[in-house]
PDB file of all heavy atoms in Angstrom:
ATOM      1  N   HIS A   1       6.323 -23.207  12.017  1.00  0.00           N
ATOM      2  CA  HIS A   1       7.116 -24.405  11.782  1.00  0.00           C
ATOM      3  C   HIS A   1       7.518 -24.561  10.325  1.00  0.00           C
ATOM      4  O   HIS A   1       8.208 -25.495   9.973  1.00  0.00           O
ATOM      5  CB  HIS A   1       6.355 -25.644  12.266  1.00  0.00           C
ATOM      6  CG  HIS A   1       5.095 -25.899  11.498  1.00  0.00           C
ATOM      7  ND1 HIS A   1       3.970 -25.132  11.634  1.00  0.00           N
ATOM      8  CD2 HIS A   1       4.794 -26.830  10.577  1.00  0.00           C
ATOM      9  CE1 HIS A   1       3.025 -25.588  10.835  1.00  0.00           C
ATOM     10  NE2 HIS A   1       3.497 -26.614  10.187  1.00  0.00           N
ATOM     11  N   GLY A   2       7.121 -23.660   9.450  1.00  0.00           N
ATOM     12  CA  GLY A   2       7.550 -23.667   8.063  1.00  0.00           C
ATOM     13  C   GLY A   2       6.668 -24.473   7.128  1.00  0.00           C
ATOM     14  O   GLY A   2       6.927 -24.544   5.947  1.00  0.00           O
ATOM     15  N   GLY A   3       5.600 -25.092   7.618  1.00  0.00           N
ATOM     16  CA  GLY A   3       4.693 -25.845   6.766  1.00  0.00           C
ATOM     17  C   GLY A   3       3.547 -24.981   6.313  1.00  0.00           C
ATOM     18  O   GLY A   3       3.496 -23.786   6.585  1.00  0.00           O
ATOM     19  N   ALA A   4       2.620 -25.578   5.615  1.00  0.00           N
ATOM     20  CA  ALA A   4       1.439 -24.830   5.194  1.00  0.00           C
ATOM     21  C   ALA A   4       0.631 -24.448   6.425  1.00  0.00           C
ATOM     22  O   ALA A   4       0.592 -25.166   7.407  1.00  0.00           O
ATOM     23  CB  ALA A   4       0.581 -25.674   4.253  1.00  0.00           C
ATOM     24  N   ARG A   5       0.017 -23.315   6.358  1.00  0.00           N
ATOM     25  CA  ARG A   5      -0.847 -22.880   7.454  1.00  0.00           C
ATOM     26  C   ARG A   5      -2.124 -23.691   7.387  1.00  0.00           C
ATOM     27  O   ARG A   5      -2.849 -23.674   6.409  1.00  0.00           O
ATOM     28  CB  ARG A   5      -1.147 -21.387   7.300  1.00  0.00           C
ATOM     29  CG  ARG A   5      -2.055 -20.851   8.364  1.00  0.00           C
ATOM     30  CD  ARG A   5      -2.202 -19.362   8.200  1.00  0.00           C
ATOM     31  NE  ARG A   5      -2.639 -19.047   6.861  1.00  0.00           N
ATOM     32  CZ  ARG A   5      -3.810 -18.496   6.578  1.00  0.00           C
ATOM     33  NH1 ARG A   5      -4.655 -18.205   7.522  1.00  0.00           N
ATOM     34  NH2 ARG A   5      -4.127 -18.203   5.349  1.00  0.00           N
ATOM     35  N   LEU A   6      -2.394 -24.441   8.432  1.00  0.00           N
ATOM     36  CA  LEU A   6      -3.601 -25.257   8.479  1.00  0.00           C
ATOM     37  C   LEU A   6      -4.697 -24.470   9.166  1.00  0.00           C
ATOM     38  O   LEU A   6      -4.500 -23.929  10.235  1.00  0.00           O
ATOM     39  CB  LEU A   6      -3.330 -26.567   9.213  1.00  0.00           C
ATOM     40  CG  LEU A   6      -2.238 -27.430   8.583  1.00  0.00           C
ATOM     41  CD1 LEU A   6      -2.027 -28.682   9.410  1.00  0.00           C
ATOM     42  CD2 LEU A   6      -2.581 -27.786   7.158  1.00  0.00           C
ATOM     43  N   SER A   7      -5.850 -24.446   8.559  1.00  0.00           N
ATOM     44  CA  SER A   7      -6.947 -23.613   9.032  1.00  0.00           C
ATOM     45  C   SER A   7      -7.630 -24.211  10.258  1.00  0.00           C
ATOM     46  O   SER A   7      -7.889 -25.392  10.326  1.00  0.00           O
ATOM     47  CB  SER A   7      -7.967 -23.439   7.913  1.00  0.00           C
ATOM     48  OG  SER A   7      -9.060 -22.702   8.376  1.00  0.00           O
ATOM     49  N   GLN A   8      -7.936 -23.354  11.215  1.00  0.00           N
ATOM     50  CA  GLN A   8      -8.740 -23.732  12.370  1.00  0.00           C
ATOM     51  C   GLN A   8     -10.125 -23.100  12.253  1.00  0.00           C
ATOM     52  O   GLN A   8     -11.075 -23.589  12.815  1.00  0.00           O
ATOM     53  CB  GLN A   8      -8.067 -23.237  13.651  1.00  0.00           C
ATOM     54  CG  GLN A   8      -6.647 -23.733  13.824  1.00  0.00           C
ATOM     55  CD  GLN A   8      -6.585 -25.046  14.566  1.00  0.00           C
ATOM     56  OE1 GLN A   8      -7.435 -25.323  15.385  1.00  0.00           O
ATOM     57  NE2 GLN A   8      -5.590 -25.852  14.276  1.00  0.00           N
ATOM     58  N   GLU A   9     -10.217 -22.010  11.571  1.00  0.00           N
ATOM     59  CA  GLU A   9     -11.468 -21.272  11.419  1.00  0.00           C
ATOM     60  C   GLU A   9     -12.154 -21.684  10.119  1.00  0.00           C
ATOM     61  O   GLU A   9     -11.497 -21.871   9.100  1.00  0.00           O
ATOM     62  CB  GLU A   9     -11.192 -19.764  11.378  1.00  0.00           C
ATOM     63  CG  GLU A   9     -10.525 -19.232  12.624  1.00  0.00           C
ATOM     64  CD  GLU A   9     -11.413 -19.309  13.847  1.00  0.00           C
ATOM     65  OE1 GLU A   9     -12.626 -19.091  13.714  1.00  0.00           O
ATOM     66  OE2 GLU A   9     -10.892 -19.600  14.919  1.00  0.00           O
ATOM     67  N   PRO A  10     -13.484 -21.782  10.100  1.00  0.00           N
ATOM     68  CA  PRO A  10     -14.172 -22.210   8.882  1.00  0.00           C
ATOM     69  C   PRO A  10     -14.040 -21.217   7.727  1.00  0.00           C
ATOM     70  O   PRO A  10     -14.111 -21.622   6.577  1.00  0.00           O
ATOM     71  CB  PRO A  10     -15.625 -22.357   9.315  1.00  0.00           C
ATOM     72  CG  PRO A  10     -15.750 -21.666  10.619  1.00  0.00           C
ATOM     73  CD  PRO A  10     -14.381 -21.586  11.218  1.00  0.00           C
ATOM     74  N   ASP A  11     -13.833 -19.939   8.006  1.00  0.00           N
ATOM     75  CA  ASP A  11     -13.729 -18.954   6.934  1.00  0.00           C
ATOM     76  C   ASP A  11     -12.308 -18.809   6.399  1.00  0.00           C
ATOM     77  O   ASP A  11     -12.103 -18.153   5.387  1.00  0.00           O
ATOM     78  CB  ASP A  11     -14.222 -17.588   7.420  1.00  0.00           C
ATOM     79  CG  ASP A  11     -15.736 -17.574   7.626  1.00  0.00           C
ATOM     80  OD1 ASP A  11     -16.408 -18.481   7.106  1.00  0.00           O
ATOM     81  OD2 ASP A  11     -16.232 -16.680   8.315  1.00  0.00           O
ATOM     82  N   GLU A  12     -11.340 -19.386   7.081  1.00  0.00           N
ATOM     83  CA  GLU A  12      -9.961 -19.263   6.649  1.00  0.00           C
ATOM     84  C   GLU A  12      -9.622 -20.344   5.627  1.00  0.00           C
ATOM     85  O   GLU A  12     -10.108 -21.466   5.720  1.00  0.00           O
ATOM     86  CB  GLU A  12      -9.018 -19.378   7.843  1.00  0.00           C
ATOM     87  CG  GLU A  12      -9.053 -18.176   8.747  1.00  0.00           C
ATOM     88  CD  GLU A  12      -7.945 -18.223   9.779  1.00  0.00           C
ATOM     89  OE1 GLU A  12      -6.895 -18.820   9.496  1.00  0.00           O
ATOM     90  OE2 GLU A  12      -8.158 -17.665  10.849  1.00  0.00           O
ATOM     91  N   PRO A  13      -8.760 -20.020   4.655  1.00  0.00           N
ATOM     92  CA  PRO A  13      -8.349 -21.036   3.677  1.00  0.00           C
ATOM     93  C   PRO A  13      -7.434 -22.072   4.331  1.00  0.00           C
ATOM     94  O   PRO A  13      -6.820 -21.815   5.370  1.00  0.00           O
ATOM     95  CB  PRO A  13      -7.601 -20.218   2.629  1.00  0.00           C
ATOM     96  CG  PRO A  13      -7.131 -18.997   3.342  1.00  0.00           C
ATOM     97  CD  PRO A  13      -8.163 -18.713   4.400  1.00  0.00           C
ATOM     98  N   LEU A  14      -7.331 -23.233   3.713  1.00  0.00           N
ATOM     99  CA  LEU A  14      -6.408 -24.259   4.178  1.00  0.00           C
ATOM    100  C   LEU A  14      -4.967 -23.785   4.020  1.00  0.00           C
ATOM    101  O   LEU A  14      -4.111 -24.101   4.828  1.00  0.00           O
ATOM    102  CB  LEU A  14      -6.604 -25.552   3.383  1.00  0.00           C
ATOM    103  CG  LEU A  14      -7.977 -26.211   3.471  1.00  0.00           C
ATOM    104  CD1 LEU A  14      -8.051 -27.390   2.513  1.00  0.00           C
ATOM    105  CD2 LEU A  14      -8.256 -26.652   4.894  1.00  0.00           C
ATOM    106  N   ALA A  15      -4.713 -23.042   2.954  1.00  0.00           N
ATOM    107  CA  ALA A  15      -3.373 -22.513   2.661  1.00  0.00           C
ATOM    108  C   ALA A  15      -3.530 -21.378   1.664  1.00  0.00           C
ATOM    109  O   ALA A  15      -4.596 -21.199   1.072  1.00  0.00           O
ATOM    110  CB  ALA A  15      -2.482 -23.608   2.089  1.00  0.00           C
ATOM    111  N   GLN A  16      -2.445 -20.622   1.480  1.00  0.00           N
ATOM    112  CA  GLN A  16      -2.397 -19.613   0.421  1.00  0.00           C
ATOM    113  C   GLN A  16      -1.238 -19.954  -0.500  1.00  0.00           C
ATOM    114  O   GLN A  16      -0.174 -20.369  -0.043  1.00  0.00           O
ATOM    115  CB  GLN A  16      -2.201 -18.215   0.993  1.00  0.00           C
ATOM    116  CG  GLN A  16      -3.444 -17.667   1.626  1.00  0.00           C
ATOM    117  CD  GLN A  16      -3.290 -16.201   1.987  1.00  0.00           C
ATOM    118  OE1 GLN A  16      -2.228 -15.765   2.396  1.00  0.00           O
ATOM    119  NE2 GLN A  16      -4.359 -15.463   1.841  1.00  0.00           N
ATOM    120  N   VAL A  17      -1.471 -19.796  -1.787  1.00  0.00           N
ATOM    121  CA  VAL A  17      -0.481 -20.112  -2.805  1.00  0.00           C
ATOM    122  C   VAL A  17      -0.327 -18.894  -3.702  1.00  0.00           C
ATOM    123  O   VAL A  17      -1.300 -18.242  -4.055  1.00  0.00           O
ATOM    124  CB  VAL A  17      -0.954 -21.325  -3.654  1.00  0.00           C
ATOM    125  CG1 VAL A  17       0.008 -21.617  -4.772  1.00  0.00           C
ATOM    126  CG2 VAL A  17      -1.149 -22.538  -2.776  1.00  0.00           C
ATOM    127  N   GLU A  18       0.912 -18.599  -4.048  1.00  0.00           N
ATOM    128  CA  GLU A  18       1.157 -17.534  -5.020  1.00  0.00           C
ATOM    129  C   GLU A  18       1.647 -18.157  -6.312  1.00  0.00           C
ATOM    130  O   GLU A  18       2.542 -19.006  -6.312  1.00  0.00           O
ATOM    131  CB  GLU A  18       2.193 -16.549  -4.485  1.00  0.00           C
ATOM    132  CG  GLU A  18       1.651 -15.680  -3.386  1.00  0.00           C
ATOM    133  CD  GLU A  18       2.609 -14.562  -3.014  1.00  0.00           C
ATOM    134  OE1 GLU A  18       3.809 -14.677  -3.302  1.00  0.00           O
ATOM    135  OE2 GLU A  18       2.144 -13.579  -2.440  1.00  0.00           O
ATOM    136  N   LEU A  19       1.046 -17.741  -7.430  1.00  0.00           N
ATOM    137  CA  LEU A  19       1.443 -18.203  -8.755  1.00  0.00           C
ATOM    138  C   LEU A  19       2.122 -17.067  -9.494  1.00  0.00           C
ATOM    139  O   LEU A  19       1.619 -15.942  -9.514  1.00  0.00           O
ATOM    140  CB  LEU A  19       0.229 -18.635  -9.575  1.00  0.00           C
ATOM    141  CG  LEU A  19      -0.568 -19.834  -9.098  1.00  0.00           C
ATOM    142  CD1 LEU A  19      -1.751 -20.056 -10.032  1.00  0.00           C
ATOM    143  CD2 LEU A  19       0.295 -21.059  -9.045  1.00  0.00           C
ATOM    144  N   LEU A  20       3.250 -17.363 -10.082  1.00  0.00           N
ATOM    145  CA  LEU A  20       3.896 -16.410 -10.973  1.00  0.00           C
ATOM    146  C   LEU A  20       3.440 -16.745 -12.384  1.00  0.00           C
ATOM    147  O   LEU A  20       3.698 -17.835 -12.892  1.00  0.00           O
ATOM    148  CB  LEU A  20       5.425 -16.508 -10.882  1.00  0.00           C
ATOM    149  CG  LEU A  20       6.200 -15.691 -11.909  1.00  0.00           C
ATOM    150  CD1 LEU A  20       5.887 -14.201 -11.792  1.00  0.00           C
ATOM    151  CD2 LEU A  20       7.687 -15.955 -11.779  1.00  0.00           C
ATOM    152  N   LEU A  21       2.712 -15.836 -12.995  1.00  0.00           N
ATOM    153  CA  LEU A  21       2.206 -16.024 -14.349  1.00  0.00           C
ATOM    154  C   LEU A  21       3.089 -15.264 -15.321  1.00  0.00           C
ATOM    155  O   LEU A  21       3.403 -14.082 -15.099  1.00  0.00           O
ATOM    156  CB  LEU A  21       0.770 -15.519 -14.452  1.00  0.00           C
ATOM    157  CG  LEU A  21      -0.222 -16.138 -13.464  1.00  0.00           C
ATOM    158  CD1 LEU A  21      -1.557 -15.416 -13.555  1.00  0.00           C
ATOM    159  CD2 LEU A  21      -0.378 -17.609 -13.717  1.00  0.00           C
ATOM    160  N   LEU A  22       3.505 -15.929 -16.380  1.00  0.00           N
ATOM    161  CA  LEU A  22       4.324 -15.320 -17.416  1.00  0.00           C
ATOM    162  C   LEU A  22       3.534 -15.305 -18.718  1.00  0.00           C
ATOM    163  O   LEU A  22       3.033 -16.347 -19.154  1.00  0.00           O
ATOM    164  CB  LEU A  22       5.623 -16.107 -17.606  1.00  0.00           C
ATOM    165  CG  LEU A  22       6.514 -16.229 -16.377  1.00  0.00           C
ATOM    166  CD1 LEU A  22       7.690 -17.155 -16.677  1.00  0.00           C
ATOM    167  CD2 LEU A  22       7.000 -14.871 -15.915  1.00  0.00           C
ATOM    168  N   PHE A  23       3.452 -14.133 -19.344  1.00  0.00           N
ATOM    169  CA  PHE A  23       2.693 -13.976 -20.580  1.00  0.00           C
ATOM    170  C   PHE A  23       3.635 -13.517 -21.692  1.00  0.00           C
ATOM    171  O   PHE A  23       4.306 -12.499 -21.573  1.00  0.00           O
ATOM    172  CB  PHE A  23       1.587 -12.930 -20.405  1.00  0.00           C
ATOM    173  CG  PHE A  23       0.592 -13.293 -19.348  1.00  0.00           C
ATOM    174  CD1 PHE A  23       0.728 -12.824 -18.051  1.00  0.00           C
ATOM    175  CD2 PHE A  23      -0.485 -14.112 -19.649  1.00  0.00           C
ATOM    176  CE1 PHE A  23      -0.188 -13.152 -17.073  1.00  0.00           C
ATOM    177  CE2 PHE A  23      -1.407 -14.458 -18.676  1.00  0.00           C
ATOM    178  CZ  PHE A  23      -1.256 -13.972 -17.390  1.00  0.00           C
ATOM    179  N   HIS A  24       3.678 -14.296 -22.764  1.00  0.00           N
ATOM    180  CA  HIS A  24       4.462 -13.955 -23.938  1.00  0.00           C
ATOM    181  C   HIS A  24       3.920 -14.797 -25.093  1.00  0.00           C
ATOM    182  O   HIS A  24       3.590 -15.970 -24.892  1.00  0.00           O
ATOM    183  CB  HIS A  24       5.945 -14.270 -23.703  1.00  0.00           C
ATOM    184  CG  HIS A  24       6.846 -13.677 -24.737  1.00  0.00           C
ATOM    185  ND1 HIS A  24       6.988 -14.217 -25.992  1.00  0.00           N
ATOM    186  CD2 HIS A  24       7.653 -12.591 -24.696  1.00  0.00           C
ATOM    187  CE1 HIS A  24       7.849 -13.495 -26.688  1.00  0.00           C
ATOM    188  NE2 HIS A  24       8.260 -12.494 -25.923  1.00  0.00           N
ATOM    189  N   PRO A  25       3.820 -14.240 -26.304  1.00  0.00           N
ATOM    190  CA  PRO A  25       3.274 -15.031 -27.424  1.00  0.00           C
ATOM    191  C   PRO A  25       4.018 -16.350 -27.660  1.00  0.00           C
ATOM    192  O   PRO A  25       3.415 -17.349 -28.036  1.00  0.00           O
ATOM    193  CB  PRO A  25       3.425 -14.101 -28.632  1.00  0.00           C
ATOM    194  CG  PRO A  25       3.448 -12.729 -28.047  1.00  0.00           C
ATOM    195  CD  PRO A  25       4.102 -12.867 -26.693  1.00  0.00           C
ATOM    196  N   ARG A  26       5.317 -16.377 -27.405  1.00  0.00           N
ATOM    197  CA  ARG A  26       6.091 -17.600 -27.634  1.00  0.00           C
ATOM    198  C   ARG A  26       5.865 -18.660 -26.549  1.00  0.00           C
ATOM    199  O   ARG A  26       6.332 -19.776 -26.686  1.00  0.00           O
ATOM    200  CB  ARG A  26       7.573 -17.277 -27.729  1.00  0.00           C
ATOM    201  CG  ARG A  26       7.898 -16.491 -28.966  1.00  0.00           C
ATOM    202  CD  ARG A  26       9.384 -16.345 -29.150  1.00  0.00           C
ATOM    203  NE  ARG A  26       9.647 -15.508 -30.298  1.00  0.00           N
ATOM    204  CZ  ARG A  26      10.647 -14.667 -30.385  1.00  0.00           C
ATOM    205  NH1 ARG A  26      11.502 -14.546 -29.375  1.00  0.00           N
ATOM    206  NH2 ARG A  26      10.817 -13.940 -31.458  1.00  0.00           N
ATOM    207  N   LEU A  27       5.161 -18.312 -25.488  1.00  0.00           N
ATOM    208  CA  LEU A  27       4.879 -19.271 -24.423  1.00  0.00           C
ATOM    209  C   LEU A  27       3.558 -19.996 -24.645  1.00  0.00           C
ATOM    210  O   LEU A  27       3.186 -20.851 -23.852  1.00  0.00           O
ATOM    211  CB  LEU A  27       4.849 -18.562 -23.060  1.00  0.00           C
ATOM    212  CG  LEU A  27       6.166 -17.949 -22.600  1.00  0.00           C
ATOM    213  CD1 LEU A  27       5.966 -17.211 -21.289  1.00  0.00           C
ATOM    214  CD2 LEU A  27       7.242 -19.010 -22.464  1.00  0.00           C
ATOM    215  N   GLN A  28       2.856 -19.668 -25.706  1.00  0.00           N
ATOM    216  CA  GLN A  28       1.570 -20.300 -25.971  1.00  0.00           C
ATOM    217  C   GLN A  28       1.765 -21.523 -26.850  1.00  0.00           C
ATOM    218  O   GLN A  28       2.752 -21.650 -27.549  1.00  0.00           O
ATOM    219  CB  GLN A  28       0.629 -19.304 -26.631  1.00  0.00           C
ATOM    220  CG  GLN A  28       0.390 -18.121 -25.720  1.00  0.00           C
ATOM    221  CD  GLN A  28      -0.841 -17.346 -26.092  1.00  0.00           C
ATOM    222  OE1 GLN A  28      -1.613 -17.765 -26.922  1.00  0.00           O
ATOM    223  NE2 GLN A  28      -1.018 -16.212 -25.455  1.00  0.00           N
ATOM    224  N   GLY A  29       0.828 -22.434 -26.791  1.00  0.00           N
ATOM    225  CA  GLY A  29       0.884 -23.601 -27.654  1.00  0.00           C
ATOM    226  C   GLY A  29       1.353 -24.862 -26.957  1.00  0.00           C
ATOM    227  O   GLY A  29       1.701 -25.820 -27.621  1.00  0.00           O
ATOM    228  N   GLY A  30       1.390 -24.872 -25.651  1.00  0.00           N
ATOM    229  CA  GLY A  30       1.741 -26.081 -24.922  1.00  0.00           C
ATOM    230  C   GLY A  30       3.194 -26.127 -24.498  1.00  0.00           C
ATOM    231  O   GLY A  30       3.996 -25.270 -24.865  1.00  0.00           O
ATOM    232  N   PRO A  31       3.537 -27.140 -23.716  1.00  0.00           N
ATOM    233  CA  PRO A  31       4.894 -27.236 -23.181  1.00  0.00           C
ATOM    234  C   PRO A  31       5.910 -27.547 -24.264  1.00  0.00           C
ATOM    235  O   PRO A  31       5.689 -28.407 -25.112  1.00  0.00           O
ATOM    236  CB  PRO A  31       4.813 -28.376 -22.168  1.00  0.00           C
ATOM    237  CG  PRO A  31       3.492 -29.004 -22.309  1.00  0.00           C
ATOM    238  CD  PRO A  31       2.664 -28.180 -23.225  1.00  0.00           C
ATOM    239  N   ARG A  32       6.990 -26.834 -24.245  1.00  0.00           N
ATOM    240  CA  ARG A  32       8.118 -27.060 -25.156  1.00  0.00           C
ATOM    241  C   ARG A  32       9.299 -26.255 -24.622  1.00  0.00           C
ATOM    242  O   ARG A  32       9.161 -25.438 -23.733  1.00  0.00           O
ATOM    243  CB  ARG A  32       7.772 -26.660 -26.579  1.00  0.00           C
ATOM    244  CG  ARG A  32       7.491 -25.179 -26.741  1.00  0.00           C
ATOM    245  CD  ARG A  32       7.195 -24.854 -28.201  1.00  0.00           C
ATOM    246  NE  ARG A  32       6.988 -23.447 -28.382  1.00  0.00           N
ATOM    247  CZ  ARG A  32       5.898 -22.777 -28.066  1.00  0.00           C
ATOM    248  NH1 ARG A  32       4.883 -23.409 -27.542  1.00  0.00           N
ATOM    249  NH2 ARG A  32       5.795 -21.483 -28.272  1.00  0.00           N
ATOM    250  N   ARG A  33      10.451 -26.493 -25.169  1.00  0.00           N
ATOM    251  CA  ARG A  33      11.658 -25.781 -24.754  1.00  0.00           C
ATOM    252  C   ARG A  33      11.573 -24.324 -25.216  1.00  0.00           C
ATOM    253  O   ARG A  33      11.274 -24.052 -26.368  1.00  0.00           O
ATOM    254  CB  ARG A  33      12.879 -26.466 -25.327  1.00  0.00           C
ATOM    255  CG  ARG A  33      14.158 -25.956 -24.756  1.00  0.00           C
ATOM    256  CD  ARG A  33      15.320 -26.834 -25.245  1.00  0.00           C
ATOM    257  NE  ARG A  33      16.521 -26.431 -24.605  1.00  0.00           N
ATOM    258  CZ  ARG A  33      17.009 -26.999 -23.511  1.00  0.00           C
ATOM    259  NH1 ARG A  33      16.370 -28.006 -22.972  1.00  0.00           N
ATOM    260  NH2 ARG A  33      18.120 -26.579 -22.976  1.00  0.00           N
ATOM    261  N   VAL A  34      11.829 -23.413 -24.269  1.00  0.00           N
ATOM    262  CA  VAL A  34      11.736 -21.981 -24.553  1.00  0.00           C
ATOM    263  C   VAL A  34      13.055 -21.329 -24.179  1.00  0.00           C
ATOM    264  O   VAL A  34      13.651 -21.657 -23.149  1.00  0.00           O
ATOM    265  CB  VAL A  34      10.571 -21.342 -23.743  1.00  0.00           C
ATOM    266  CG1 VAL A  34      10.498 -19.851 -23.983  1.00  0.00           C
ATOM    267  CG2 VAL A  34       9.254 -22.008 -24.100  1.00  0.00           C
ATOM    268  N   ALA A  35      13.500 -20.398 -25.010  1.00  0.00           N
ATOM    269  CA  ALA A  35      14.763 -19.704 -24.756  1.00  0.00           C
ATOM    270  C   ALA A  35      14.650 -18.830 -23.504  1.00  0.00           C
ATOM    271  O   ALA A  35      13.589 -18.252 -23.239  1.00  0.00           O
ATOM    272  CB  ALA A  35      15.131 -18.840 -25.963  1.00  0.00           C
ATOM    273  N   PRO A  36      15.726 -18.723 -22.730  1.00  0.00           N
ATOM    274  CA  PRO A  36      15.702 -17.873 -21.530  1.00  0.00           C
ATOM    275  C   PRO A  36      15.317 -16.426 -21.825  1.00  0.00           C
ATOM    276  O   PRO A  36      14.696 -15.767 -20.999  1.00  0.00           O
ATOM    277  CB  PRO A  36      17.131 -17.958 -20.994  1.00  0.00           C
ATOM    278  CG  PRO A  36      17.697 -19.208 -21.568  1.00  0.00           C
ATOM    279  CD  PRO A  36      16.997 -19.409 -22.880  1.00  0.00           C
ATOM    280  N   GLU A  37      15.651 -15.933 -23.004  1.00  0.00           N
ATOM    281  CA  GLU A  37      15.314 -14.556 -23.371  1.00  0.00           C
ATOM    282  C   GLU A  37      13.801 -14.362 -23.440  1.00  0.00           C
ATOM    283  O   GLU A  37      13.291 -13.279 -23.162  1.00  0.00           O
ATOM    284  CB  GLU A  37      15.937 -14.172 -24.718  1.00  0.00           C
ATOM    285  CG  GLU A  37      17.444 -14.227 -24.759  1.00  0.00           C
ATOM    286  CD  GLU A  37      17.988 -15.634 -24.972  1.00  0.00           C
ATOM    287  OE1 GLU A  37      17.335 -16.466 -25.649  1.00  0.00           O
ATOM    288  OE2 GLU A  37      19.065 -15.909 -24.430  1.00  0.00           O
ATOM    289  N   THR A  38      13.090 -15.404 -23.821  1.00  0.00           N
ATOM    290  CA  THR A  38      11.630 -15.330 -23.883  1.00  0.00           C
ATOM    291  C   THR A  38      11.059 -15.162 -22.479  1.00  0.00           C
ATOM    292  O   THR A  38      10.181 -14.334 -22.249  1.00  0.00           O
ATOM    293  CB  THR A  38      11.046 -16.585 -24.553  1.00  0.00           C
ATOM    294  OG1 THR A  38      11.600 -16.701 -25.864  1.00  0.00           O
ATOM    295  CG2 THR A  38       9.538 -16.501 -24.648  1.00  0.00           C
TER     296      THR A  38
END
């Protein structure tokens, strides 16, 4: 149905999430405006 998969089994997770992690020295130091090239 397109929603999160709700677990019926005790060993199964409630849902699975994928995170896209971006690593670059200019991305450190908290939220701020970053150039698309970064």
